[in-house]
N, C-alpha and C. Protein backbone atom coordinates (compact mmCIF):
# COMPACT_ATOMS: atom_id res chain seq x y z
N MET A 1 -91.39 33.62 295.92
CA MET A 1 -90.38 32.81 296.55
C MET A 1 -89.40 32.19 295.44
N GLU A 2 -89.91 31.73 294.47
CA GLU A 2 -88.96 30.95 293.43
C GLU A 2 -88.57 32.29 292.63
N ALA A 3 -88.64 33.34 292.64
CA ALA A 3 -88.20 34.43 292.10
C ALA A 3 -87.20 35.11 292.88
N GLN A 4 -87.09 34.87 293.81
CA GLN A 4 -86.10 35.26 295.01
C GLN A 4 -84.85 34.49 294.73
N VAL A 5 -85.38 33.03 294.87
CA VAL A 5 -84.07 32.22 294.87
C VAL A 5 -83.59 32.38 293.63
N HIS A 6 -84.35 32.40 292.38
CA HIS A 6 -83.73 32.77 291.11
C HIS A 6 -82.79 34.00 290.94
N ALA A 7 -83.31 35.12 291.48
CA ALA A 7 -82.41 36.21 291.65
C ALA A 7 -81.30 36.04 292.37
N ARG A 8 -81.41 35.25 293.39
CA ARG A 8 -80.07 34.91 294.44
C ARG A 8 -79.22 34.19 293.55
N ARG A 9 -79.41 33.02 292.85
CA ARG A 9 -78.58 32.55 291.98
C ARG A 9 -77.86 33.14 291.02
N GLN A 10 -78.91 33.99 290.43
CA GLN A 10 -78.21 35.15 289.31
C GLN A 10 -77.13 35.81 290.04
N THR A 11 -77.47 36.40 291.17
CA THR A 11 -76.65 37.28 292.02
C THR A 11 -75.26 36.47 292.08
N ILE A 12 -75.38 35.13 292.79
CA ILE A 12 -74.40 34.41 292.81
C ILE A 12 -73.46 34.08 291.86
N TRP A 13 -74.00 33.75 290.72
CA TRP A 13 -73.31 33.68 289.44
C TRP A 13 -72.75 34.91 288.86
N ILE A 14 -73.40 35.98 288.96
CA ILE A 14 -72.52 37.17 288.82
C ILE A 14 -71.62 37.46 289.50
N ILE A 15 -71.63 37.28 290.80
CA ILE A 15 -70.52 37.44 291.75
C ILE A 15 -69.30 36.41 291.35
N THR A 16 -69.87 35.23 290.99
CA THR A 16 -68.72 34.23 290.98
C THR A 16 -68.08 34.48 289.53
N LEU A 17 -68.73 35.01 288.64
CA LEU A 17 -68.02 35.45 287.23
C LEU A 17 -67.15 36.50 287.52
N LEU A 18 -67.82 37.61 288.18
CA LEU A 18 -66.93 38.74 288.61
C LEU A 18 -65.78 38.42 289.28
N ALA A 19 -65.79 37.45 290.10
CA ALA A 19 -64.53 37.00 290.94
C ALA A 19 -63.56 36.12 290.19
N LEU A 20 -64.12 35.49 289.19
CA LEU A 20 -63.27 34.65 288.30
C LEU A 20 -62.71 35.70 287.16
N LEU A 21 -63.26 36.49 287.04
CA LEU A 21 -62.75 37.89 286.00
C LEU A 21 -61.66 38.46 286.82
N LEU A 22 -62.01 38.84 288.04
CA LEU A 22 -61.04 39.60 288.71
C LEU A 22 -59.75 38.97 288.94
N THR A 23 -60.00 37.53 289.31
CA THR A 23 -58.79 36.48 289.51
C THR A 23 -57.99 36.49 288.36
N ALA A 24 -58.51 36.30 287.02
CA ALA A 24 -58.12 36.13 285.65
C ALA A 24 -57.29 37.40 285.59
N ILE A 25 -57.77 38.65 285.83
CA ILE A 25 -57.09 39.99 285.79
C ILE A 25 -55.82 40.13 286.60
N LEU A 26 -56.15 39.63 287.69
CA LEU A 26 -54.91 39.51 288.58
C LEU A 26 -53.85 38.55 288.31
N ILE A 27 -54.26 37.37 287.93
CA ILE A 27 -53.22 36.50 287.37
C ILE A 27 -52.55 37.13 286.10
N ILE A 28 -53.04 37.79 285.23
CA ILE A 28 -52.38 38.51 284.05
C ILE A 28 -51.51 39.45 284.66
N ILE A 29 -52.08 40.40 285.39
CA ILE A 29 -51.19 41.40 285.94
C ILE A 29 -49.98 40.87 286.68
N ILE A 30 -50.14 39.73 287.45
CA ILE A 30 -49.00 39.21 288.32
C ILE A 30 -47.84 38.73 287.33
N SER A 31 -48.35 38.01 286.19
CA SER A 31 -47.68 37.37 285.39
C SER A 31 -47.00 38.37 284.60
N ARG A 32 -47.43 39.59 284.18
CA ARG A 32 -46.96 40.49 283.53
C ARG A 32 -45.68 41.12 284.33
N LEU A 33 -45.92 41.39 285.70
CA LEU A 33 -45.16 41.98 286.66
C LEU A 33 -44.00 40.96 286.84
N ARG A 34 -44.26 39.70 287.07
CA ARG A 34 -43.21 38.82 287.16
C ARG A 34 -42.24 38.67 285.77
N ARG A 35 -42.90 38.70 284.81
CA ARG A 35 -42.08 38.67 283.36
C ARG A 35 -41.19 40.13 283.44
N ASN A 36 -41.85 41.46 283.74
CA ASN A 36 -41.03 42.58 283.66
C ASN A 36 -40.10 42.39 284.76
N TYR A 37 -40.38 41.92 285.95
CA TYR A 37 -39.23 41.85 286.94
C TYR A 37 -38.03 40.78 286.71
N GLN A 38 -38.38 39.62 285.79
CA GLN A 38 -37.43 38.83 285.24
C GLN A 38 -36.39 39.48 284.19
N LEU A 39 -37.10 40.26 283.53
CA LEU A 39 -36.39 40.80 282.27
C LEU A 39 -35.60 41.92 282.87
N ARG A 40 -36.17 42.83 284.00
CA ARG A 40 -35.20 43.79 284.33
C ARG A 40 -34.11 43.12 285.28
N ARG A 41 -34.36 42.15 286.00
CA ARG A 41 -33.35 41.35 286.65
C ARG A 41 -32.26 40.69 285.70
N ARG A 42 -32.66 40.21 284.50
CA ARG A 42 -31.59 39.62 283.48
C ARG A 42 -30.86 40.93 282.89
N LEU A 43 -31.47 41.92 282.62
CA LEU A 43 -30.81 42.94 282.11
C LEU A 43 -29.96 43.51 283.10
N ALA A 44 -30.17 43.43 284.47
CA ALA A 44 -29.46 43.96 285.57
C ALA A 44 -27.98 43.23 285.76
N ILE A 45 -28.34 41.68 285.32
CA ILE A 45 -27.19 40.97 285.55
C ILE A 45 -26.43 41.22 284.54
N GLU A 46 -26.89 41.34 283.23
CA GLU A 46 -26.19 41.39 282.13
C GLU A 46 -25.27 42.78 282.11
N ARG A 47 -25.90 43.77 282.80
CA ARG A 47 -25.21 45.15 282.78
C ARG A 47 -24.10 44.84 283.99
N ILE A 48 -24.58 43.95 285.00
CA ILE A 48 -23.32 43.78 286.00
C ILE A 48 -22.13 43.09 285.38
N ASP A 49 -22.48 41.96 284.60
CA ASP A 49 -21.31 41.12 284.12
C ASP A 49 -20.55 42.03 283.14
N ALA A 50 -21.07 43.05 282.19
CA ALA A 50 -20.60 43.99 281.46
C ALA A 50 -19.73 44.87 282.14
N LEU A 51 -20.21 45.42 283.50
CA LEU A 51 -19.25 46.12 284.17
C LEU A 51 -18.03 45.65 284.48
N GLU A 52 -18.54 44.27 285.27
CA GLU A 52 -17.37 43.44 285.60
C GLU A 52 -16.22 43.14 284.71
N ASN A 53 -16.68 42.88 283.22
CA ASN A 53 -15.80 42.72 282.22
C ASN A 53 -14.98 44.18 282.07
N ASP A 54 -15.82 45.06 281.95
CA ASP A 54 -14.87 46.46 281.85
C ASP A 54 -14.10 46.85 282.87
N ARG A 55 -14.45 46.32 283.92
CA ARG A 55 -13.58 46.62 285.15
C ARG A 55 -12.28 45.76 285.14
N ASP A 56 -12.32 44.54 284.66
CA ASP A 56 -11.25 43.47 284.51
C ASP A 56 -10.56 43.97 283.62
N SER A 57 -10.97 44.27 282.22
CA SER A 57 -10.16 45.06 281.06
C SER A 57 -9.47 46.29 281.51
N LEU A 58 -10.04 47.05 282.20
CA LEU A 58 -9.49 48.36 282.76
C LEU A 58 -8.47 48.20 283.73
N SER A 59 -8.67 47.04 284.49
CA SER A 59 -7.70 46.64 285.47
C SER A 59 -6.40 45.92 284.85
N GLU A 60 -6.42 45.33 283.80
CA GLU A 60 -5.56 44.58 283.16
C GLU A 60 -4.79 45.91 282.46
N ASP A 61 -5.46 46.90 281.68
CA ASP A 61 -4.95 47.78 281.23
C ASP A 61 -3.82 48.55 282.04
N LEU A 62 -4.53 48.99 283.22
CA LEU A 62 -3.71 49.54 284.40
C LEU A 62 -2.59 48.82 284.76
N GLN A 63 -2.72 47.73 284.93
CA GLN A 63 -1.55 46.76 285.40
C GLN A 63 -0.57 47.10 284.28
N ALA A 64 -0.82 46.88 282.89
CA ALA A 64 0.15 47.06 281.74
C ALA A 64 0.81 48.58 281.93
N GLU A 65 -0.07 49.67 282.23
CA GLU A 65 0.49 50.77 282.50
C GLU A 65 1.24 50.90 283.35
N ARG A 66 1.19 50.23 284.72
CA ARG A 66 1.96 50.32 285.77
C ARG A 66 3.30 49.51 285.56
N SER A 67 3.24 48.57 284.76
CA SER A 67 4.44 47.79 284.17
C SER A 67 5.23 48.75 283.59
N GLN A 68 4.81 49.41 282.71
CA GLN A 68 5.36 49.89 281.81
C GLN A 68 5.99 51.41 282.23
N LEU A 69 5.59 51.81 283.47
CA LEU A 69 5.90 53.31 284.02
C LEU A 69 6.98 52.52 285.12
N GLN A 70 7.01 51.40 285.62
CA GLN A 70 7.98 50.96 286.53
C GLN A 70 9.15 50.51 285.46
N ARG A 71 8.87 50.04 284.40
CA ARG A 71 10.14 49.59 283.45
C ARG A 71 10.85 51.09 283.24
N ILE A 72 9.91 52.31 282.58
CA ILE A 72 10.68 53.48 282.55
C ILE A 72 11.12 54.02 283.70
N GLN A 73 10.51 54.08 284.82
CA GLN A 73 11.34 54.48 286.24
C GLN A 73 12.60 53.68 286.42
N GLY A 74 12.63 52.35 286.27
CA GLY A 74 13.88 51.57 286.34
C GLY A 74 15.06 52.01 285.33
N GLN A 75 14.61 52.26 283.95
CA GLN A 75 15.55 53.13 283.45
C GLN A 75 16.06 54.30 283.85
N ILE A 76 14.86 55.01 284.24
CA ILE A 76 15.45 56.54 284.64
C ILE A 76 16.51 56.51 285.60
N GLU A 77 16.25 55.37 286.65
CA GLU A 77 17.08 55.45 287.91
C GLU A 77 18.22 54.72 287.51
N GLU A 78 18.48 53.96 286.60
CA GLU A 78 19.75 53.35 285.78
C GLU A 78 20.58 54.49 285.32
N ILE A 79 19.66 55.35 284.55
CA ILE A 79 20.51 56.39 283.63
C ILE A 79 20.91 57.41 284.83
N LYS A 80 20.40 57.64 285.87
CA LYS A 80 20.61 58.44 286.99
C LYS A 80 21.89 57.98 287.68
N ASN A 81 21.91 56.75 287.83
CA ASN A 81 23.03 55.85 288.49
C ASN A 81 24.08 55.99 287.78
N ASP A 82 24.20 55.99 286.40
CA ASP A 82 25.22 55.90 285.58
C ASP A 82 25.31 57.05 284.61
N ARG A 83 25.76 58.20 284.85
CA ARG A 83 25.55 59.36 284.06
C ARG A 83 26.40 59.05 282.68
N ARG A 84 27.34 58.14 282.42
CA ARG A 84 28.08 57.72 281.50
C ARG A 84 27.30 57.16 280.54
N GLN A 85 25.93 56.79 280.35
CA GLN A 85 25.03 56.29 279.73
C GLN A 85 24.71 57.46 278.41
N ARG A 86 25.19 58.61 278.52
CA ARG A 86 24.79 59.62 277.57
C ARG A 86 25.40 59.32 276.43
N SER A 87 26.56 58.57 276.36
CA SER A 87 27.07 58.10 275.01
C SER A 87 26.32 56.81 274.50
N ALA A 88 25.60 56.36 275.28
CA ALA A 88 25.09 54.82 274.98
C ALA A 88 23.68 55.05 274.20
N ILE A 89 23.00 56.33 274.13
CA ILE A 89 22.00 56.78 273.51
C ILE A 89 22.53 57.03 271.82
N THR A 90 22.34 56.27 270.87
CA THR A 90 22.87 56.27 269.69
C THR A 90 21.76 56.36 268.61
N ALA A 91 22.22 56.01 267.76
CA ALA A 91 20.93 56.07 266.50
C ALA A 91 20.11 54.63 266.66
N ASP A 92 20.87 53.70 267.01
CA ASP A 92 20.32 52.25 266.92
C ASP A 92 19.09 52.43 268.37
N SER A 93 19.18 52.84 269.27
CA SER A 93 18.33 53.02 270.50
C SER A 93 17.36 54.06 270.18
N ILE A 94 17.55 55.07 269.15
CA ILE A 94 16.29 55.83 268.91
C ILE A 94 15.54 56.01 267.66
N LEU A 95 15.97 54.78 266.98
CA LEU A 95 15.49 54.70 265.41
C LEU A 95 14.10 54.61 265.36
N ASN A 96 13.29 54.10 266.54
CA ASN A 96 12.06 53.54 266.54
C ASN A 96 11.25 54.73 267.12
N ILE A 97 11.99 56.22 267.46
CA ILE A 97 11.05 57.01 267.96
C ILE A 97 9.54 57.61 267.32
N LYS A 98 9.61 56.95 266.35
CA LYS A 98 8.49 57.69 265.58
C LYS A 98 7.35 56.76 265.79
N GLY A 99 7.58 55.60 266.47
CA GLY A 99 6.42 54.76 266.94
C GLY A 99 5.44 55.26 268.07
N SER A 100 4.62 54.73 268.28
CA SER A 100 3.47 55.08 269.33
C SER A 100 4.06 54.92 270.70
N GLY A 101 4.18 56.25 271.39
CA GLY A 101 4.61 56.42 272.66
C GLY A 101 5.98 56.37 272.62
N SER A 102 6.86 55.79 271.76
CA SER A 102 8.49 55.95 271.97
C SER A 102 9.04 57.23 271.97
N LEU A 103 8.38 58.31 271.36
CA LEU A 103 8.78 59.76 271.18
C LEU A 103 8.76 60.31 272.65
N GLN A 104 7.58 59.89 273.14
CA GLN A 104 7.53 60.51 274.63
C GLN A 104 8.41 59.71 275.35
N ALA A 105 9.05 58.64 275.42
CA ALA A 105 9.92 57.90 276.24
C ALA A 105 11.11 58.42 275.90
N PHE A 106 11.58 58.57 274.60
CA PHE A 106 12.76 59.06 274.24
C PHE A 106 13.13 60.42 274.87
N GLU A 107 11.94 61.32 274.86
CA GLU A 107 12.19 62.75 275.45
C GLU A 107 12.20 62.78 277.07
N LEU A 108 11.80 61.63 277.68
CA LEU A 108 11.85 61.65 279.26
C LEU A 108 13.20 61.11 279.22
N ARG A 109 13.76 60.37 278.43
CA ARG A 109 15.07 59.61 278.96
C ARG A 109 16.04 60.81 278.53
N PHE A 110 15.78 61.43 277.38
CA PHE A 110 16.61 62.79 277.02
C PHE A 110 16.86 63.90 278.27
N ASP A 111 15.41 64.13 278.73
CA ASP A 111 15.45 64.88 279.97
C ASP A 111 16.08 64.71 281.10
N VAL A 112 16.09 63.32 281.09
CA VAL A 112 17.04 62.71 282.50
C VAL A 112 18.34 62.92 282.38
N LEU A 113 18.85 62.60 280.99
CA LEU A 113 20.11 62.86 280.64
C LEU A 113 20.80 64.48 280.78
N TYR A 114 19.70 65.01 280.23
CA TYR A 114 20.10 66.57 280.12
C TYR A 114 19.00 67.36 280.69
N PRO A 115 18.96 67.37 282.09
CA PRO A 115 17.99 67.91 282.75
C PRO A 115 17.91 69.57 282.44
N GLY A 116 16.60 70.28 282.06
CA GLY A 116 16.47 71.69 281.75
C GLY A 116 16.69 71.89 280.60
N PHE A 117 17.35 71.04 279.74
CA PHE A 117 17.54 71.43 278.49
C PHE A 117 16.54 72.06 277.49
N THR A 118 15.48 71.02 277.62
CA THR A 118 14.16 71.68 276.91
C THR A 118 13.76 73.23 277.12
N GLU A 119 13.82 73.35 278.37
CA GLU A 119 13.21 74.64 278.85
C GLU A 119 14.30 75.78 278.62
N ARG A 120 15.68 75.58 278.62
CA ARG A 120 16.58 76.54 278.48
C ARG A 120 16.43 76.73 276.88
N ILE A 121 16.35 75.72 275.92
CA ILE A 121 16.34 76.11 274.58
C ILE A 121 14.83 76.87 274.35
N ARG A 122 13.91 76.31 274.92
CA ARG A 122 12.50 77.27 274.51
C ARG A 122 12.49 78.69 274.97
N GLN A 123 13.47 79.03 276.05
CA GLN A 123 13.68 80.33 276.60
C GLN A 123 14.42 81.12 275.55
N ARG A 124 15.26 80.32 274.83
CA ARG A 124 16.06 81.00 273.51
C ARG A 124 15.12 81.05 272.53
N ALA A 125 14.22 80.23 272.21
CA ALA A 125 13.51 80.21 270.82
C ALA A 125 12.32 79.63 271.17
N SER A 126 11.29 80.42 271.49
CA SER A 126 10.04 79.68 271.92
C SER A 126 9.17 79.34 271.21
N THR A 127 9.37 79.51 269.50
CA THR A 127 8.73 79.17 268.53
C THR A 127 9.10 77.83 267.78
N LEU A 128 10.20 77.17 268.42
CA LEU A 128 10.87 75.88 267.76
C LEU A 128 9.55 75.01 267.92
N SER A 129 9.31 74.19 266.71
CA SER A 129 8.30 73.19 266.63
C SER A 129 8.89 71.90 267.25
N LYS A 130 8.15 70.84 267.30
CA LYS A 130 8.19 69.57 267.97
C LYS A 130 9.56 68.99 267.25
N ARG A 131 9.18 69.13 265.68
CA ARG A 131 10.27 68.41 264.96
C ARG A 131 11.85 69.27 265.29
N GLU A 132 11.66 70.42 265.39
CA GLU A 132 12.97 71.26 265.50
C GLU A 132 13.60 70.87 266.81
N MET A 133 12.91 70.89 267.79
CA MET A 133 13.27 70.33 269.02
C MET A 133 13.83 68.95 269.09
N LEU A 134 13.27 67.93 268.31
CA LEU A 134 13.64 66.80 268.22
C LEU A 134 14.90 66.80 267.37
N LEU A 135 15.19 67.74 266.35
CA LEU A 135 16.54 67.88 265.70
C LEU A 135 17.48 68.48 266.68
N CYS A 136 17.05 69.09 267.67
CA CYS A 136 18.28 70.04 268.50
C CYS A 136 18.48 68.66 269.55
N MET A 137 17.67 67.97 270.10
CA MET A 137 18.25 66.86 270.84
C MET A 137 19.08 65.76 270.17
N LEU A 138 18.57 65.40 268.71
CA LEU A 138 19.81 64.43 268.36
C LEU A 138 20.87 65.13 268.02
N LEU A 139 21.11 66.36 267.89
CA LEU A 139 22.21 67.19 267.34
C LEU A 139 23.31 67.31 268.68
N VAL A 140 22.48 67.22 269.78
CA VAL A 140 23.23 67.27 271.28
C VAL A 140 23.65 65.86 271.37
N LEU A 141 22.87 64.64 270.62
CA LEU A 141 23.35 63.34 270.88
C LEU A 141 24.33 62.97 269.80
N ASN A 142 24.92 64.19 268.91
CA ASN A 142 26.07 63.76 267.88
C ASN A 142 25.58 63.03 266.94
N GLN A 143 24.35 63.10 266.54
CA GLN A 143 23.84 62.30 265.36
C GLN A 143 24.24 63.15 264.07
N SER A 144 24.76 62.29 263.14
CA SER A 144 24.93 62.98 261.67
C SER A 144 23.78 63.07 261.12
N THR A 145 23.76 63.92 259.81
CA THR A 145 22.67 64.38 259.38
C THR A 145 21.93 63.19 258.54
N ALA A 146 22.84 62.26 258.19
CA ALA A 146 22.18 60.86 257.73
C ALA A 146 21.51 60.35 258.54
N GLN A 147 22.17 60.12 259.78
CA GLN A 147 21.60 59.24 260.82
C GLN A 147 19.92 60.09 261.27
N ILE A 148 19.91 61.32 261.44
CA ILE A 148 18.80 62.35 261.39
C ILE A 148 17.65 62.05 260.50
N SER A 149 18.40 62.02 259.41
CA SER A 149 17.36 61.73 258.11
C SER A 149 16.70 60.40 258.18
N GLU A 150 17.27 59.34 258.34
CA GLU A 150 16.78 58.21 258.64
C GLU A 150 15.75 58.11 260.04
N ILE A 151 16.13 58.79 261.04
CA ILE A 151 15.48 58.59 262.55
C ILE A 151 14.15 59.46 262.02
N MET A 152 14.05 60.92 261.45
CA MET A 152 12.88 61.58 261.14
C MET A 152 12.11 61.21 259.93
N THR A 153 12.94 60.09 259.03
CA THR A 153 12.18 60.02 257.87
C THR A 153 12.00 60.96 256.94
N ILE A 154 13.13 61.66 256.80
CA ILE A 154 12.88 62.95 255.73
C ILE A 154 14.47 63.07 255.09
N GLU A 155 14.18 63.71 254.01
CA GLU A 155 15.57 63.80 253.37
C GLU A 155 16.54 64.66 253.97
N PRO A 156 17.96 64.43 253.68
CA PRO A 156 19.00 65.26 254.31
C PRO A 156 18.96 66.83 253.95
N ARG A 157 18.29 66.91 252.71
CA ARG A 157 18.13 68.49 252.31
C ARG A 157 17.13 69.14 253.23
N SER A 158 16.08 68.36 253.63
CA SER A 158 15.10 69.08 254.72
C SER A 158 15.89 69.09 255.85
N ILE A 159 16.48 68.37 256.31
CA ILE A 159 17.40 68.40 257.79
C ILE A 159 18.22 69.69 257.63
N ASN A 160 18.70 69.85 256.67
CA ASN A 160 19.79 71.14 256.47
C ASN A 160 18.85 72.36 256.48
N ILE A 161 17.56 72.37 255.93
CA ILE A 161 16.79 73.54 255.86
C ILE A 161 16.11 73.58 257.33
N MET A 162 16.03 72.49 258.07
CA MET A 162 15.30 72.78 259.26
C MET A 162 16.68 73.13 260.17
N ARG A 163 17.89 72.96 259.88
CA ARG A 163 19.01 73.53 260.65
C ARG A 163 18.94 74.61 260.66
N TYR A 164 18.83 75.34 259.21
CA TYR A 164 18.81 76.83 259.04
C TYR A 164 17.66 77.47 259.88
N ARG A 165 16.49 76.90 259.89
CA ARG A 165 15.56 77.81 260.51
C ARG A 165 15.69 77.66 262.16
N VAL A 166 16.44 76.56 262.73
CA VAL A 166 16.83 76.55 264.14
C VAL A 166 17.58 77.60 264.32
N ARG A 167 18.81 77.83 263.31
CA ARG A 167 19.66 78.62 263.76
C ARG A 167 19.28 80.33 263.73
N LYS A 168 18.06 80.39 262.72
CA LYS A 168 17.64 81.48 262.61
C LYS A 168 17.01 82.01 264.02
N LYS A 169 16.03 80.86 264.45
CA LYS A 169 15.29 81.11 265.56
C LYS A 169 15.96 81.51 266.96
N LEU A 170 17.45 80.84 266.93
CA LEU A 170 18.23 81.02 267.84
C LEU A 170 19.05 82.06 267.71
N ASN A 171 18.69 83.15 266.61
CA ASN A 171 19.47 84.21 266.35
C ASN A 171 21.01 83.93 266.37
N LEU A 172 21.68 82.82 265.55
CA LEU A 172 22.99 82.64 265.47
C LEU A 172 23.48 83.28 264.35
N SER A 173 24.74 84.02 264.40
CA SER A 173 25.54 84.31 263.59
C SER A 173 26.20 83.37 262.89
N GLY A 174 26.76 83.68 261.71
CA GLY A 174 27.44 83.02 260.60
C GLY A 174 28.51 82.20 261.53
N ASP A 175 29.32 82.75 262.04
CA ASP A 175 30.50 82.17 262.76
C ASP A 175 30.37 81.43 264.27
N GLN A 176 28.87 81.08 264.44
CA GLN A 176 28.40 80.29 265.49
C GLN A 176 28.24 78.94 265.11
N SER A 177 28.65 77.91 265.93
CA SER A 177 28.23 76.63 265.35
C SER A 177 26.90 76.22 266.38
N LEU A 178 26.13 75.77 265.57
CA LEU A 178 24.80 75.46 266.15
C LEU A 178 24.92 74.15 267.25
N GLU A 179 25.79 73.13 266.76
CA GLU A 179 26.04 72.03 267.84
C GLU A 179 26.68 72.63 269.03
N GLU A 180 27.57 73.31 268.97
CA GLU A 180 28.15 74.18 270.27
C GLU A 180 27.29 74.55 271.23
N VAL A 181 26.63 75.24 270.46
CA VAL A 181 25.50 76.30 271.28
C VAL A 181 24.44 75.22 271.87
N LEU A 182 24.19 74.22 271.02
CA LEU A 182 23.20 73.29 271.71
C LEU A 182 24.04 72.43 272.69
N HIS A 183 25.04 72.00 272.73
CA HIS A 183 25.89 71.57 273.83
C HIS A 183 26.07 72.40 275.02
N LEU A 184 26.37 73.35 274.66
CA LEU A 184 26.51 74.69 276.02
C LEU A 184 25.17 74.65 276.77
N VAL A 185 24.05 74.63 276.01
CA VAL A 185 22.65 74.68 276.38
C VAL A 185 22.41 73.30 277.28
N ALA A 186 22.78 72.24 276.66
CA ALA A 186 22.65 71.02 277.43
C ALA A 186 23.60 70.87 278.39
N GLY A 187 24.66 71.81 278.69
CA GLY A 187 25.51 71.95 279.85
C GLY A 187 26.68 70.71 279.68
N GLU A 188 27.26 70.88 278.42
CA GLU A 188 28.43 70.03 278.16
C GLU A 188 29.33 70.73 277.50
N PRO A 189 30.71 70.60 277.89
CA PRO A 189 31.59 71.44 277.33
C PRO A 189 31.85 70.98 275.96
N THR A 190 32.49 72.01 275.13
CA THR A 190 32.75 71.66 273.60
C THR A 190 34.45 71.59 273.37
N ASP A 191 34.71 71.30 272.38
CA ASP A 191 36.04 71.20 272.09
C ASP A 191 36.67 72.59 271.98
N ASN A 192 35.83 73.38 271.32
CA ASN A 192 36.26 74.87 271.05
C ASN A 192 36.74 75.63 272.46
N PRO A 193 38.07 76.01 272.72
CA PRO A 193 38.40 76.68 273.68
C PRO A 193 37.68 78.00 274.24
N ASN A 194 37.09 78.86 272.98
CA ASN A 194 36.40 80.10 273.21
C ASN A 194 34.93 79.79 272.42
N PRO A 195 34.38 78.94 273.00
CA PRO A 195 32.85 78.81 272.42
C PRO A 195 32.06 80.21 272.65
N THR A 196 31.23 80.42 271.81
CA THR A 196 30.20 81.34 271.87
C THR A 196 29.23 81.22 272.89
N GLN A 197 29.05 82.14 273.82
CA GLN A 197 28.25 81.81 274.88
C GLN A 197 26.62 81.72 274.45
N PRO A 198 25.73 80.96 275.05
CA PRO A 198 24.37 81.09 274.55
C PRO A 198 23.78 82.24 275.17
């Protein structure tokens, strides 16, 4: 009988120890799960904050782009409303075309003033480089070799070489004026009463 009581006590102790061990294991597992959950939650919050910051930054960039686009559209509307502004594009207003984005704005403004010029000149000489096309635009705007040299930051001699290459690509004869041909392509009358047709 005493042996049975002793065996029961041992069984109770073993069950109690097992229960305590299982409880300790459960507590460890739950605490680790809680820590992992908190870590994932913190990372998710940080990721959300980063995404919100990115969104805010992109929103600011988009707003700046919209403002710039509205400003350019306003300038285009002004130019469209007053075609006399052709003469207002001088070396002073295009000296900064080398800067980031300003060449594109210049080309856009030029295309508004002289619609279809770039397409028509490309039909005549499809191999014109960007710099040669810029030279043609500046010649249409009546810029001198010195002014073009300053704008394009190259030597006047290089401008003359580029003019020669443009003449060659346009298949101009010796008696044809490059400026007159470009003005005709731009749709402007020239001083010559019998200009060579492009």
